[in-house]
C-alpha cells in the first residue's frame, strides 16, 4: 500500500491473456491489483491514510455488476459494472487504526454471490522509552512506590535510592536492575526494603529510575520518624513527677499559710476635756 492518497479513479483493462483456471468457472473474481498477492497488507503510524486498489475480473461472456464494501475502507466507486472478459481496478483508501486490525473486502454481484479478500492493517508505533516513578512513601521498614511504562517498548528498569536525614546521608544505593519487566502502558507496585531505619529523624527520600532508550525519572518523599512508645512513656513519667511535686508542696505548707492575719485591735486614746485654757 502507498501512503499517498491522490484522486481516486476507476480503470478498466481488457484482458489480453488467458484467465487463471482456479476461478474461471466462477465467472468473476476479486483480488489485489498489480500482482499475485493473496491479500492486502498495510502498515504505518496510527492515522496514516493508505491507498491501494482491488481488481474485479469478469471472465464470463456477459457483464457483471459488483458492489464493494469493507469496514473503514473508502472505495472510488462502491458499485462497478465490469464488461465481459474485462478487469476493473477500483482504488480505495483506508486509515491505519490505533491497533492492529484485519478486515475483509467483500464484493457481491446482483445474484447475491460474493467474493472476499483479506485486508490486514498493522499500527506501526515509533519506539519510545518513557517511564515514571510515582506515589513514593515510607511505610514500616520499606519504601513503597509505583513504576509506570509510558512508552511504546517493554522496559527493564534500574533503581537508585538515596535518603538524607538531619545529620547526614542515611542511604546511598547504587543503580541496580529490578527483577520486573514493564510492558507498554503497564503499572507495577514495588517496595524497597529499608531495615534499620532511624527511630528519630526527619528524612528526605529520593528514587531515581532509568531504563534503556534514555528513559529516566526521579521522585521524592518526606518522612518523620518518632518513637511514639518512648514519647508516651516520657509523658507519663513527667505527669507522675508533676503530681508528686504538688503533693509534697502541699504537705510542707500549713493549713493557713498564705492567709492574711486579722489586724490586732488597738485601744483608742481619747483626750479628756478640761476647762483649762491657755
Protein backbone atom coordinates (compact mmCIF):
# COMPACT_ATOMS: atom_id res chain seq x y z
CA UNK A 1 0.00 0.00 0.00
CA UNK A 2 1.11 3.53 -0.73
CA UNK A 3 0.91 6.22 1.93
CA UNK A 4 -0.14 8.88 -0.62
CA UNK A 5 -3.82 9.46 -1.35
CA UNK A 6 -4.26 11.02 -4.84
CA UNK A 7 -7.61 11.49 -6.57
CA UNK A 8 -9.37 8.17 -6.89
CA UNK A 9 -10.41 6.80 -10.25
CA UNK A 10 -11.67 3.60 -11.86
CA UNK A 11 -9.69 1.90 -14.61
CA UNK A 12 -10.90 -0.85 -16.94
CA UNK A 13 -8.34 -3.07 -18.59
CA UNK A 14 -9.21 -5.56 -21.34
CA UNK A 15 -7.80 -8.96 -20.54
CA UNK A 16 -5.39 -9.98 -23.25
CA UNK A 17 -4.18 -13.25 -21.83
CA UNK A 18 -5.88 -16.37 -20.67
CA UNK A 19 -7.55 -16.17 -17.25
CA UNK A 20 -6.27 -18.31 -14.36
CA UNK A 21 -8.14 -21.59 -14.26
CA UNK A 22 -8.55 -21.57 -10.44
CA UNK A 23 -11.53 -19.21 -10.57
CA UNK A 24 -12.52 -19.27 -14.21
CA UNK A 25 -15.54 -21.43 -13.50
CA UNK A 26 -16.89 -18.83 -11.07
CA UNK A 27 -17.34 -16.26 -13.85
CA UNK A 28 -15.78 -13.40 -11.90
CA UNK A 29 -13.23 -12.94 -9.08
CA UNK A 30 -11.76 -10.30 -6.82
CA UNK A 31 -8.12 -9.90 -5.77
CA UNK A 32 -5.47 -7.25 -5.03
CA UNK A 33 -4.36 -5.32 -8.07
CA UNK A 34 -0.89 -5.44 -9.57
CA UNK A 35 0.30 -8.98 -8.98
CA UNK A 36 -0.26 -12.31 -7.36
CA UNK A 37 -0.89 -11.03 -3.84
CA UNK A 38 -3.28 -13.30 -1.96
CA UNK A 39 -4.44 -10.43 0.29
CA UNK A 40 -3.83 -6.82 1.22
CA UNK A 41 -1.34 -5.70 3.83
CA UNK A 42 -0.53 -2.19 5.00
CA UNK A 43 1.25 -0.59 7.94
CA UNK A 44 2.08 2.83 9.26
CA UNK A 45 1.64 5.11 12.28
CA UNK A 46 -1.96 5.34 13.50
CA UNK A 47 -3.93 7.86 11.47
CA UNK A 48 -1.90 7.35 8.29
CA UNK A 49 -4.02 7.16 5.13
CA UNK A 50 -3.02 4.28 2.84
CA UNK A 51 -4.21 3.65 -0.70
CA UNK A 52 -4.39 0.58 -2.91
CA UNK A 53 -6.75 -0.88 -5.47
CA UNK A 54 -8.79 -4.04 -5.80
CA UNK A 55 -9.30 -5.84 -9.11
CA UNK A 56 -12.65 -7.29 -10.14
CA UNK A 57 -12.10 -9.68 -13.07
CA UNK A 58 -15.03 -10.80 -15.22
CA UNK A 59 -14.15 -13.89 -17.25
CA UNK A 60 -17.65 -14.56 -18.45
CA UNK A 61 -19.25 -13.55 -21.75
CA UNK A 62 -21.74 -11.18 -20.09
CA UNK A 63 -21.25 -8.03 -18.00
CA UNK A 64 -21.44 -8.28 -14.22
CA UNK A 65 -22.28 -5.61 -11.65
CA UNK A 66 -20.47 -5.88 -8.32
CA UNK A 67 -20.90 -3.92 -5.11
CA UNK A 68 -17.80 -3.45 -2.87
CA UNK A 69 -17.75 -2.79 0.86
CA UNK A 70 -15.43 -3.21 3.87
CA UNK A 71 -15.33 -1.63 7.35
CA UNK A 72 -13.26 1.56 7.35
CA UNK A 73 -12.49 1.37 3.61
CA UNK A 74 -13.47 4.10 1.14
CA UNK A 75 -13.77 2.97 -2.48
CA UNK A 76 -13.56 5.24 -5.52
CA UNK A 77 -16.76 3.57 -6.68
CA UNK A 78 -18.69 1.24 -4.41
CA UNK A 79 -20.60 -0.26 -7.31
CA UNK A 80 -18.82 -1.21 -10.52
CA UNK A 81 -20.10 -2.70 -13.79
CA UNK A 82 -17.48 -4.90 -15.40
CA UNK A 83 -17.93 -5.80 -19.11
CA UNK A 84 -17.35 -9.35 -20.33
CA UNK A 85 -13.74 -10.55 -20.31
CA UNK A 86 -12.60 -7.34 -18.63
CA UNK A 87 -10.94 -6.37 -15.38
CA UNK A 88 -11.85 -3.31 -13.32
CA UNK A 89 -9.29 -1.87 -10.90
CA UNK A 90 -11.05 0.05 -8.14
CA UNK A 91 -8.84 2.32 -5.98
CA UNK A 92 -9.58 2.67 -2.28
CA UNK A 93 -8.18 4.36 0.81
CA UNK A 94 -8.03 3.16 4.40
CA UNK A 95 -6.77 4.76 7.61
CA UNK A 96 -4.37 2.87 9.88
CA UNK A 97 -6.15 2.29 13.23
CA UNK A 98 -4.68 2.64 16.71
CA UNK A 99 -4.27 -1.15 16.97
CA UNK A 100 -3.64 -3.96 14.51
CA UNK A 101 -6.76 -4.91 12.60
CA UNK A 102 -7.86 -7.40 9.95
CA UNK A 103 -10.98 -6.92 7.81
CA UNK A 104 -12.35 -8.35 4.59
CA UNK A 105 -13.21 -6.58 1.35
CA UNK A 106 -16.46 -8.13 0.17
CA UNK A 107 -17.62 -8.00 -3.45
CA UNK A 108 -21.22 -9.10 -4.12
CA UNK A 109 -22.97 -9.38 -7.51
CA UNK A 110 -26.64 -8.88 -8.29
CA UNK A 111 -27.32 -12.60 -7.84
CA UNK A 112 -26.09 -12.46 -4.23
CA UNK A 113 -22.83 -14.29 -4.87
CA UNK A 114 -19.86 -12.78 -3.10
CA UNK A 115 -16.09 -12.94 -3.20
CA UNK A 116 -13.81 -11.90 -0.34
CA UNK A 117 -10.20 -10.80 0.04
CA UNK A 118 -8.43 -10.08 3.34
CA UNK A 119 -7.04 -6.70 4.37
CA UNK A 120 -4.60 -6.60 7.29
CA UNK A 121 -3.52 -3.31 8.84
CA UNK A 122 -0.65 -3.02 11.27
CA UNK A 123 -0.24 0.01 13.54
CA UNK A 124 3.44 0.92 13.43
CA UNK A 125 4.29 2.88 16.57
CA UNK A 126 7.62 4.70 16.82
CA UNK A 127 9.86 3.27 19.52
CA UNK A 128 9.67 5.43 22.60
CA UNK A 129 11.20 4.70 26.00
CA UNK A 130 9.49 6.56 28.83
CA UNK A 131 8.62 5.71 32.42
CA UNK A 132 7.65 7.45 35.65
CA UNK A 133 8.06 6.64 39.34
CA UNK A 134 5.04 7.66 41.41
CA UNK A 135 3.43 7.51 44.88
CA UNK A 136 6.68 7.21 46.83
CA UNK A 137 6.12 6.71 50.57
CA UNK A 138 7.99 5.33 53.58
CA UNK A 139 5.93 2.63 55.30
CA UNK A 140 7.23 0.42 58.08
CA UNK A 141 10.67 -0.90 57.14
CA UNK A 142 10.32 -0.20 53.42
CA UNK A 143 9.88 2.44 50.72
CA UNK A 144 6.82 1.83 48.55
CA UNK A 145 6.47 3.20 45.02
CA UNK A 146 4.89 2.58 41.60
CA UNK A 147 6.55 2.32 38.19
CA UNK A 148 4.59 3.20 35.03
CA UNK A 149 5.75 2.43 31.48
CA UNK A 150 4.55 5.40 29.43
CA UNK A 151 6.41 4.46 26.25
CA UNK A 152 5.86 2.01 23.39
CA UNK A 153 8.56 -0.54 24.22
CA UNK A 154 8.97 -3.05 27.03
CA UNK A 155 11.36 -1.85 29.76
CA UNK A 156 13.58 -3.44 32.40
CA UNK A 157 14.09 -0.63 34.95
CA UNK A 158 17.07 0.13 37.18
CA UNK A 159 16.64 1.77 40.59
CA UNK A 160 18.90 4.03 42.69
CA UNK A 161 17.92 5.04 46.24
CA UNK A 162 19.09 7.93 48.41
CA UNK A 163 17.88 9.10 51.82
CA UNK A 164 19.15 12.11 53.80
CA UNK A 165 18.41 12.82 57.47
CA UNK A 166 19.04 15.81 59.71
CA UNK A 167 22.54 14.59 60.48
CA UNK A 168 23.65 13.32 57.06
CA UNK A 169 23.22 10.58 54.48
CA UNK A 170 21.26 7.50 55.61
CA UNK A 171 21.00 5.55 52.33
CA UNK A 172 23.01 5.68 49.12
CA UNK A 173 22.24 2.63 46.98
CA UNK A 174 23.81 2.46 43.53
CA UNK A 175 21.59 1.72 40.49
CA UNK A 176 20.62 -1.94 40.19
CA UNK A 177 18.37 -3.84 37.80
CA UNK A 178 14.94 -4.63 39.22
CA UNK A 179 13.50 -8.13 38.71
CA UNK A 180 10.50 -6.85 36.73
CA UNK A 181 9.60 -6.34 33.06
CA UNK A 182 7.26 -3.47 32.22
CA UNK A 183 5.17 -3.88 29.04
CA UNK A 184 3.99 -0.63 27.40
CA UNK A 185 1.25 1.01 29.43
CA UNK A 186 1.72 -1.21 32.50
CA UNK A 187 1.85 -0.09 36.15
CA UNK A 188 3.68 -2.04 38.90
CA UNK A 189 3.74 -1.52 42.69
CA UNK A 190 7.07 -2.29 44.41
CA UNK A 191 8.70 -1.99 47.84
CA UNK A 192 12.34 -1.18 48.53
CA UNK A 193 13.41 -2.75 51.86
CA UNK A 194 14.86 -0.42 54.50
CA UNK A 195 15.80 -2.41 57.59
CA UNK A 196 17.28 -0.45 60.48
CA UNK A 197 15.74 2.88 59.55
CA UNK A 198 16.26 5.62 62.18
CA UNK A 199 13.96 5.78 65.20
CA UNK A 200 14.07 9.58 65.46
CA UNK A 201 14.80 11.73 62.41
CA UNK A 202 13.35 13.80 59.56
CA UNK A 203 14.21 12.16 56.24
CA UNK A 204 14.09 13.09 52.54
CA UNK A 205 13.95 10.03 50.24
CA UNK A 206 14.77 10.16 46.53
CA UNK A 207 14.22 7.34 44.00
CA UNK A 208 15.79 7.52 40.54
CA UNK A 209 14.64 5.03 37.87
CA UNK A 210 16.28 4.52 34.48
CA UNK A 211 15.84 2.14 31.54
CA UNK A 212 17.22 1.50 28.06
CA UNK A 213 16.49 4.13 25.42
CA UNK A 214 17.08 7.10 27.71
CA UNK A 215 14.08 6.60 29.99
CA UNK A 216 14.58 8.32 33.34
CA UNK A 217 12.51 9.73 36.20
CA UNK A 218 13.01 10.87 39.80
CA UNK A 219 10.56 11.18 42.67
CA UNK A 220 10.95 12.28 46.31
CA UNK A 221 9.09 11.83 49.58
CA UNK A 222 9.47 13.13 53.15
CA UNK A 223 9.15 11.10 56.35
CA UNK A 224 9.29 11.91 60.06
CA UNK A 225 10.39 9.14 62.42
CA UNK A 226 9.23 9.50 66.02
CA UNK A 227 9.46 6.72 68.69
CA UNK A 228 5.92 7.15 69.94
CA UNK A 229 6.32 4.47 72.61
CA UNK A 230 9.21 6.31 74.23
CA UNK A 231 7.36 9.62 73.90
CA UNK A 232 4.31 8.19 75.66
CA UNK A 233 6.49 6.75 78.46
CA UNK A 234 8.29 10.06 78.93
CA UNK A 235 4.99 11.96 79.03
CA UNK A 236 3.63 9.57 81.66
CA UNK A 237 6.81 9.98 83.73
CA UNK A 238 6.64 13.77 83.56
CA UNK A 239 2.99 13.71 84.56
CA UNK A 240 3.70 11.45 87.55
CA UNK A 241 6.61 13.62 88.69
CA UNK A 242 4.46 16.71 88.48
CA UNK A 243 1.72 15.15 90.59
CA UNK A 244 4.25 14.06 93.24
CA UNK A 245 5.70 17.55 93.41
CA UNK A 246 2.27 19.07 94.04
CA UNK A 247 1.54 16.61 96.85
CA UNK A 248 4.84 17.32 98.61
CA UNK A 249 4.39 21.03 98.26
CA UNK A 250 1.00 20.88 99.95
CA UNK A 251 2.38 18.83 102.85
CA UNK A 252 5.07 21.44 103.60
CA UNK A 253 2.65 24.32 103.77
CA UNK A 254 0.48 24.89 106.89
CA UNK A 255 -3.29 24.82 106.73
CA UNK A 256 -3.46 28.64 106.97
CA UNK A 257 -0.28 29.52 105.06
CA UNK A 258 -0.78 32.48 102.87
CA UNK A 259 -3.74 33.82 104.77
CA UNK A 260 -3.51 37.38 105.93
CA UNK A 261 -3.83 37.54 109.79
CA UNK A 262 -6.52 39.79 111.13
CA UNK A 263 -5.21 43.13 112.38
CA UNK A 264 -4.90 43.38 116.19
CA UNK A 265 -7.39 45.79 117.63
CA UNK A 266 -5.64 48.83 119.10
CA UNK A 267 -7.16 50.87 122.02
CA UNK A 268 -8.36 54.34 121.14
CA UNK A 269 -6.91 57.05 123.38
CA UNK A 270 -9.38 59.87 123.68
CA UNK A 271 -8.18 63.19 125.18
CA UNK A 272 -10.02 64.24 128.27
CA UNK A 273 -11.65 67.68 128.08
CA UNK A 274 -10.99 70.16 130.89
CA UNK A 275 -11.86 73.78 131.46
CA UNK A 276 -8.30 74.94 131.36
CA UNK A 277 -7.39 77.40 128.70
CA UNK A 278 -4.11 78.72 127.61
